Structure formats: structure tokens, C-alpha cells
Amino acid sequence: MPDRIVISNTTPIIALALVQRLDLLHTLYGEVWIPPAVAAELQAGGARAGAAELATASYIQTIALNDPRRADLLSDLDRGEAEVIALAQEHNADLVIIDERLGRRHARRLGLRITGVLGVLLKAKQLGHLDAVRPYVDQMQQDGIRLSAALVQRVLELAGEAE
């Protein structure tokens, strides 16, 4: 078992793959876990969803839930989000990377530490792995990743890139 358990949902992986920076997950966290439903969502999305990148990203491991019924309790979430939160609970994860508002709300309520794709970009810049956050945010939005305007503004402020 890794020193730190980091579990990601689908959207952050797709967003990072779209801007060719999936490697940031490895750089920042070493190994990242995804549950089977997230792996299935990525495969179903094909090339746009980062399926090719996922196939070569040995640092992203698909980890089965010990008790899949735990995810069934989160019936108001899609299966990927529910499995991410259930897997995080089962393994007492250090961090959950999730962007969807309802999933984040559930994770917080359950005491899980969370970040999203913008948090990943911000941390990468703070640690010197990126020169700027804005170009990646702009590209994600152009590629159809929906991001809250207020959250984007806050992250750009924290990154020292606000206009």
C-alpha cells in the first residue's frame, strides 16, 4: 500500500488528459487510485476521455471496492463518484480528487479531504511544476470542461494570475 492514498474521479483525469498534463498526478501524488466505475467511464469515453493516456499511466491503479454495496448508499451520485467516495472511506484516503459539486458535498460531509482539477493545477504551480495555471484552465474550458467562474477566479488569484 502506498504511503499516501489519493483517489480520483473521472472528470479531473479527463481534464488533465485534455491539456496533456495527466503526468501532474504522478508528479504530485505518486500513485493515484481509481475505482472500477471510473475506469469504465474513462474507457467508455474513448480518446477524448483520456483512455489512451490511462492505458500508459502505470501510476493510476484501478482498485476494487471491498464492499461495493457501500457505493450503493450514495444513490444520488453517479456510480463513479459513489465508488470514489466509498473507496476513499474503505481505505481512509488522504485525498479525493473530485470536481462535481454534489460529490464534493458528500465527501466533505463524510470528513474526506478533497481537491479538484483546479487545486491540482494550483498545487503544481506552487511547487514549481507549472509556470502558469491560466493557459490550462482556458484550454480545459475550450475543450468543454465546465468550471465555476467564481472558483476559476479564486484559483487565479491564489496563483497570482488574476486580471
C-alpha atoms as a PDB file:
ATOM      1  CA  MET A   1       0.000   0.000   0.000  1.00  0.00           C
ATOM      2  CA  PRO A   2       1.359   3.475  -0.861  1.00  0.00           C
ATOM      3  CA  ASP A   3       2.347   5.961   1.844  1.00  0.00           C
ATOM      4  CA  ARG A   4      -0.417   8.298   0.747  1.00  0.00           C
ATOM      5  CA  ILE A   5      -3.728   7.219  -0.719  1.00  0.00           C
ATOM      6  CA  VAL A   6      -5.096   9.571  -3.373  1.00  0.00           C
ATOM      7  CA  ILE A   7      -8.280   8.626  -5.241  1.00  0.00           C
ATOM      8  CA  SER A   8      -9.536  10.413  -8.339  1.00  0.00           C
ATOM      9  CA  ASN A   9     -12.875  10.710 -10.029  1.00  0.00           C
ATOM     10  CA  THR A  10     -13.297  10.741 -13.815  1.00  0.00           C
ATOM     11  CA  THR A  11     -13.524  14.442 -14.665  1.00  0.00           C
ATOM     12  CA  PRO A  12     -10.144  15.509 -13.241  1.00  0.00           C
ATOM     13  CA  ILE A  13      -8.425  12.743 -15.235  1.00  0.00           C
ATOM     14  CA  ILE A  14     -10.249  13.751 -18.421  1.00  0.00           C
ATOM     15  CA  ALA A  15      -9.456  17.436 -17.894  1.00  0.00           C
ATOM     16  CA  LEU A  16      -5.750  16.802 -17.263  1.00  0.00           C
ATOM     17  CA  ALA A  17      -5.553  14.420 -20.236  1.00  0.00           C
ATOM     18  CA  LEU A  18      -7.159  17.047 -22.483  1.00  0.00           C
ATOM     19  CA  VAL A  19      -4.371  19.519 -21.694  1.00  0.00           C
ATOM     20  CA  GLN A  20      -1.655  16.830 -21.841  1.00  0.00           C
ATOM     21  CA  ARG A  21      -0.841  17.169 -18.118  1.00  0.00           C
ATOM     22  CA  LEU A  22      -2.058  13.872 -16.681  1.00  0.00           C
ATOM     23  CA  ASP A  23       1.558  13.481 -15.544  1.00  0.00           C
ATOM     24  CA  LEU A  24       0.898  16.039 -12.796  1.00  0.00           C
ATOM     25  CA  LEU A  25      -0.973  13.355 -10.853  1.00  0.00           C
ATOM     26  CA  HIS A  26       2.191  11.250 -10.765  1.00  0.00           C
ATOM     27  CA  THR A  27       4.422  14.238 -10.059  1.00  0.00           C
ATOM     28  CA  LEU A  28       2.309  15.470  -7.148  1.00  0.00           C
ATOM     29  CA  TYR A  29       0.954  12.252  -5.658  1.00  0.00           C
ATOM     30  CA  GLY A  30       2.987   9.310  -6.911  1.00  0.00           C
ATOM     31  CA  GLU A  31       0.282   6.709  -7.261  1.00  0.00           C
ATOM     32  CA  VAL A  32      -3.396   7.539  -7.802  1.00  0.00           C
ATOM     33  CA  TRP A  33      -6.228   5.067  -7.354  1.00  0.00           C
ATOM     34  CA  ILE A  34      -9.475   4.901  -9.295  1.00  0.00           C
ATOM     35  CA  PRO A  35     -12.399   2.552  -8.654  1.00  0.00           C
ATOM     36  CA  PRO A  36     -13.722   0.248 -11.414  1.00  0.00           C
ATOM     37  CA  ALA A  37     -16.603   2.572 -12.332  1.00  0.00           C
ATOM     38  CA  VAL A  38     -14.174   5.417 -13.056  1.00  0.00           C
ATOM     39  CA  ALA A  39     -12.007   3.122 -15.183  1.00  0.00           C
ATOM     40  CA  ALA A  40     -15.146   2.066 -17.085  1.00  0.00           C
ATOM     41  CA  GLU A  41     -16.232   5.691 -17.607  1.00  0.00           C
ATOM     42  CA  LEU A  42     -12.798   6.575 -18.977  1.00  0.00           C
ATOM     43  CA  GLN A  43     -12.782   3.588 -21.311  1.00  0.00           C
ATOM     44  CA  ALA A  44     -16.326   4.335 -22.488  1.00  0.00           C
ATOM     45  CA  GLY A  45     -15.309   7.909 -23.318  1.00  0.00           C
ATOM     46  CA  GLY A  46     -12.549   6.703 -25.620  1.00  0.00           C
ATOM     47  CA  ALA A  47      -9.832   9.008 -26.905  1.00  0.00           C
ATOM     48  CA  ARG A  48     -11.439  12.236 -25.681  1.00  0.00           C
ATOM     49  CA  ALA A  49     -11.709  10.904 -22.160  1.00  0.00           C
ATOM     50  CA  GLY A  50      -8.065  10.040 -21.754  1.00  0.00           C
ATOM     51  CA  ALA A  51      -8.449   6.296 -22.308  1.00  0.00           C
ATOM     52  CA  ALA A  52      -5.154   6.140 -24.226  1.00  0.00           C
ATOM     53  CA  GLU A  53      -3.338   8.152 -21.576  1.00  0.00           C
ATOM     54  CA  LEU A  54      -4.813   5.971 -18.864  1.00  0.00           C
ATOM     55  CA  ALA A  55      -3.528   2.847 -20.601  1.00  0.00           C
ATOM     56  CA  THR A  56       0.047   4.146 -20.380  1.00  0.00           C
ATOM     57  CA  ALA A  57      -0.217   5.793 -16.946  1.00  0.00           C
ATOM     58  CA  SER A  58       1.091   2.997 -14.735  1.00  0.00           C
ATOM     59  CA  TYR A  59       0.782   5.285 -11.702  1.00  0.00           C
ATOM     60  CA  ILE A  60      -3.029   5.183 -11.988  1.00  0.00           C
ATOM     61  CA  GLN A  61      -4.237   1.950 -10.431  1.00  0.00           C
ATOM     62  CA  THR A  62      -7.748   0.535 -10.598  1.00  0.00           C
ATOM     63  CA  ILE A  63      -8.634  -0.710  -7.120  1.00  0.00           C
ATOM     64  CA  ALA A  64     -11.796  -2.706  -6.466  1.00  0.00           C
ATOM     65  CA  LEU A  65     -14.014  -1.903  -3.525  1.00  0.00           C
ATOM     66  CA  ASN A  66     -14.024  -4.405  -0.698  1.00  0.00           C
ATOM     67  CA  ASP A  67     -17.767  -3.834  -0.310  1.00  0.00           C
ATOM     68  CA  PRO A  68     -19.425  -2.463  -3.477  1.00  0.00           C
ATOM     69  CA  ARG A  69     -22.673  -2.080  -1.546  1.00  0.00           C
ATOM     70  CA  ARG A  70     -21.107   0.890   0.246  1.00  0.00           C
ATOM     71  CA  ALA A  71     -21.319   2.834  -3.025  1.00  0.00           C
ATOM     72  CA  ASP A  72     -24.992   1.868  -3.362  1.00  0.00           C
ATOM     73  CA  LEU A  73     -25.727   4.009  -0.293  1.00  0.00           C
ATOM     74  CA  LEU A  74     -24.753   7.114  -2.291  1.00  0.00           C
ATOM     75  CA  SER A  75     -27.592   6.617  -4.742  1.00  0.00           C
ATOM     76  CA  ASP A  76     -27.933  10.312  -5.622  1.00  0.00           C
ATOM     77  CA  LEU A  77     -24.425  10.287  -7.160  1.00  0.00           C
ATOM     78  CA  ASP A  78     -23.355   8.721 -10.425  1.00  0.00           C
ATOM     79  CA  ARG A  79     -21.652   5.355  -9.987  1.00  0.00           C
ATOM     80  CA  GLY A  80     -18.122   6.716 -10.473  1.00  0.00           C
ATOM     81  CA  GLU A  81     -18.486   9.371  -7.804  1.00  0.00           C
ATOM     82  CA  ALA A  82     -20.162   6.925  -5.430  1.00  0.00           C
ATOM     83  CA  GLU A  83     -17.340   4.388  -5.857  1.00  0.00           C
ATOM     84  CA  VAL A  84     -14.678   7.083  -5.411  1.00  0.00           C
ATOM     85  CA  ILE A  85     -16.172   8.113  -2.074  1.00  0.00           C
ATOM     86  CA  ALA A  86     -16.754   4.504  -0.977  1.00  0.00           C
ATOM     87  CA  LEU A  87     -13.173   3.534  -1.877  1.00  0.00           C
ATOM     88  CA  ALA A  88     -11.870   6.584  -0.018  1.00  0.00           C
ATOM     89  CA  GLN A  89     -13.836   5.580   3.068  1.00  0.00           C
ATOM     90  CA  GLU A  90     -12.702   1.952   2.893  1.00  0.00           C
ATOM     91  CA  HIS A  91      -9.017   2.895   2.717  1.00  0.00           C
ATOM     92  CA  ASN A  92      -9.089   6.078   4.793  1.00  0.00           C
ATOM     93  CA  ALA A  93      -7.792   8.049   1.801  1.00  0.00           C
ATOM     94  CA  ASP A  94      -5.603  11.078   2.333  1.00  0.00           C
ATOM     95  CA  LEU A  95      -7.117  12.967  -0.601  1.00  0.00           C
ATOM     96  CA  VAL A  96     -10.022  12.678  -3.034  1.00  0.00           C
ATOM     97  CA  ILE A  97      -9.790  14.494  -6.379  1.00  0.00           C
ATOM     98  CA  ILE A  98     -13.367  15.276  -7.397  1.00  0.00           C
ATOM     99  CA  ASP A  99     -14.949  18.213  -9.195  1.00  0.00           C
ATOM    100  CA  GLU A 100     -18.693  17.603  -9.205  1.00  0.00           C
ATOM    101  CA  ARG A 101     -20.488  19.744  -6.628  1.00  0.00           C
ATOM    102  CA  LEU A 102     -22.746  17.040  -5.158  1.00  0.00           C
ATOM    103  CA  GLY A 103     -19.887  14.561  -4.918  1.00  0.00           C
ATOM    104  CA  ARG A 104     -17.726  17.160  -3.163  1.00  0.00           C
ATOM    105  CA  ARG A 105     -20.556  17.893  -0.730  1.00  0.00           C
ATOM    106  CA  HIS A 106     -20.892  14.192   0.155  1.00  0.00           C
ATOM    107  CA  ALA A 107     -17.127  13.774   0.509  1.00  0.00           C
ATOM    108  CA  ARG A 108     -16.873  16.796   2.822  1.00  0.00           C
ATOM    109  CA  ARG A 109     -19.814  15.610   4.894  1.00  0.00           C
ATOM    110  CA  LEU A 110     -18.038  12.280   5.361  1.00  0.00           C
ATOM    111  CA  GLY A 111     -14.860  14.018   6.503  1.00  0.00           C
ATOM    112  CA  LEU A 112     -12.798  13.327   3.395  1.00  0.00           C
ATOM    113  CA  ARG A 113     -10.120  15.798   2.291  1.00  0.00           C
ATOM    114  CA  ILE A 114     -10.844  16.953  -1.249  1.00  0.00           C
ATOM    115  CA  THR A 115      -9.406  18.912  -4.122  1.00  0.00           C
ATOM    116  CA  GLY A 116     -10.367  19.295  -7.750  1.00  0.00           C
ATOM    117  CA  VAL A 117      -8.573  19.691 -11.045  1.00  0.00           C
ATOM    118  CA  LEU A 118      -8.011  23.407 -10.359  1.00  0.00           C
ATOM    119  CA  GLY A 119      -6.494  22.523  -6.999  1.00  0.00           C
ATOM    120  CA  VAL A 120      -4.149  20.098  -8.745  1.00  0.00           C
ATOM    121  CA  LEU A 121      -3.044  22.825 -11.165  1.00  0.00           C
ATOM    122  CA  LEU A 122      -2.603  25.350  -8.350  1.00  0.00           C
ATOM    123  CA  LYS A 123      -0.519  22.939  -6.272  1.00  0.00           C
ATOM    124  CA  ALA A 124       1.619  22.132  -9.320  1.00  0.00           C
ATOM    125  CA  LYS A 125       2.322  25.829  -9.850  1.00  0.00           C
ATOM    126  CA  GLN A 126       3.044  26.441  -6.168  1.00  0.00           C
ATOM    127  CA  LEU A 127       5.574  23.601  -6.217  1.00  0.00           C
ATOM    128  CA  GLY A 128       7.227  24.874  -9.403  1.00  0.00           C
ATOM    129  CA  HIS A 129       5.930  22.207 -11.796  1.00  0.00           C
ATOM    130  CA  LEU A 130       3.945  24.752 -13.860  1.00  0.00           C
ATOM    131  CA  ASP A 131       4.784  28.321 -14.815  1.00  0.00           C
ATOM    132  CA  ALA A 132       1.123  29.305 -15.087  1.00  0.00           C
ATOM    133  CA  VAL A 133      -2.338  27.925 -14.374  1.00  0.00           C
ATOM    134  CA  ARG A 134      -4.391  30.148 -16.688  1.00  0.00           C
ATOM    135  CA  PRO A 135      -3.420  28.521 -20.031  1.00  0.00           C
ATOM    136  CA  TYR A 136      -4.533  25.117 -18.758  1.00  0.00           C
ATOM    137  CA  VAL A 137      -7.775  26.483 -17.337  1.00  0.00           C
ATOM    138  CA  ASP A 138      -8.505  28.270 -20.623  1.00  0.00           C
ATOM    139  CA  GLN A 139      -7.781  25.115 -22.626  1.00  0.00           C
ATOM    140  CA  MET A 140      -9.969  22.962 -20.370  1.00  0.00           C
ATOM    141  CA  GLN A 141     -12.857  25.372 -20.789  1.00  0.00           C
ATOM    142  CA  GLN A 142     -12.362  25.483 -24.575  1.00  0.00           C
ATOM    143  CA  ASP A 143     -12.449  21.667 -24.579  1.00  0.00           C
ATOM    144  CA  GLY A 144     -15.796  21.623 -22.781  1.00  0.00           C
ATOM    145  CA  ILE A 145     -14.787  21.186 -19.140  1.00  0.00           C
ATOM    146  CA  ARG A 146     -17.241  23.236 -17.084  1.00  0.00           C
ATOM    147  CA  LEU A 147     -15.644  25.166 -14.268  1.00  0.00           C
ATOM    148  CA  SER A 148     -17.300  27.605 -11.878  1.00  0.00           C
ATOM    149  CA  ALA A 149     -16.360  31.180 -12.798  1.00  0.00           C
ATOM    150  CA  ALA A 150     -16.015  32.106  -9.124  1.00  0.00           C
ATOM    151  CA  LEU A 151     -13.745  29.125  -8.465  1.00  0.00           C
ATOM    152  CA  VAL A 152     -11.615  29.884 -11.529  1.00  0.00           C
ATOM    153  CA  GLN A 153     -11.253  33.490 -10.353  1.00  0.00           C
ATOM    154  CA  ARG A 154     -10.257  32.382  -6.839  1.00  0.00           C
ATOM    155  CA  VAL A 155      -7.673  29.903  -8.142  1.00  0.00           C
ATOM    156  CA  LEU A 156      -6.203  32.502 -10.498  1.00  0.00           C
ATOM    157  CA  GLU A 157      -5.957  34.936  -7.579  1.00  0.00           C
ATOM    158  CA  LEU A 158      -4.167  32.332  -5.473  1.00  0.00           C
ATOM    159  CA  ALA A 159      -1.870  31.599  -8.429  1.00  0.00           C
ATOM    160  CA  GLY A 160      -1.080  35.306  -8.794  1.00  0.00           C
ATOM    161  CA  GLU A 161      -2.656  35.347 -12.265  1.00  0.00           C
ATOM    162  CA  ALA A 162      -5.862  37.349 -11.690  1.00  0.00           C
ATOM    163  CA  GLU A 163      -6.563  40.144 -14.125  1.00  0.00           C
END
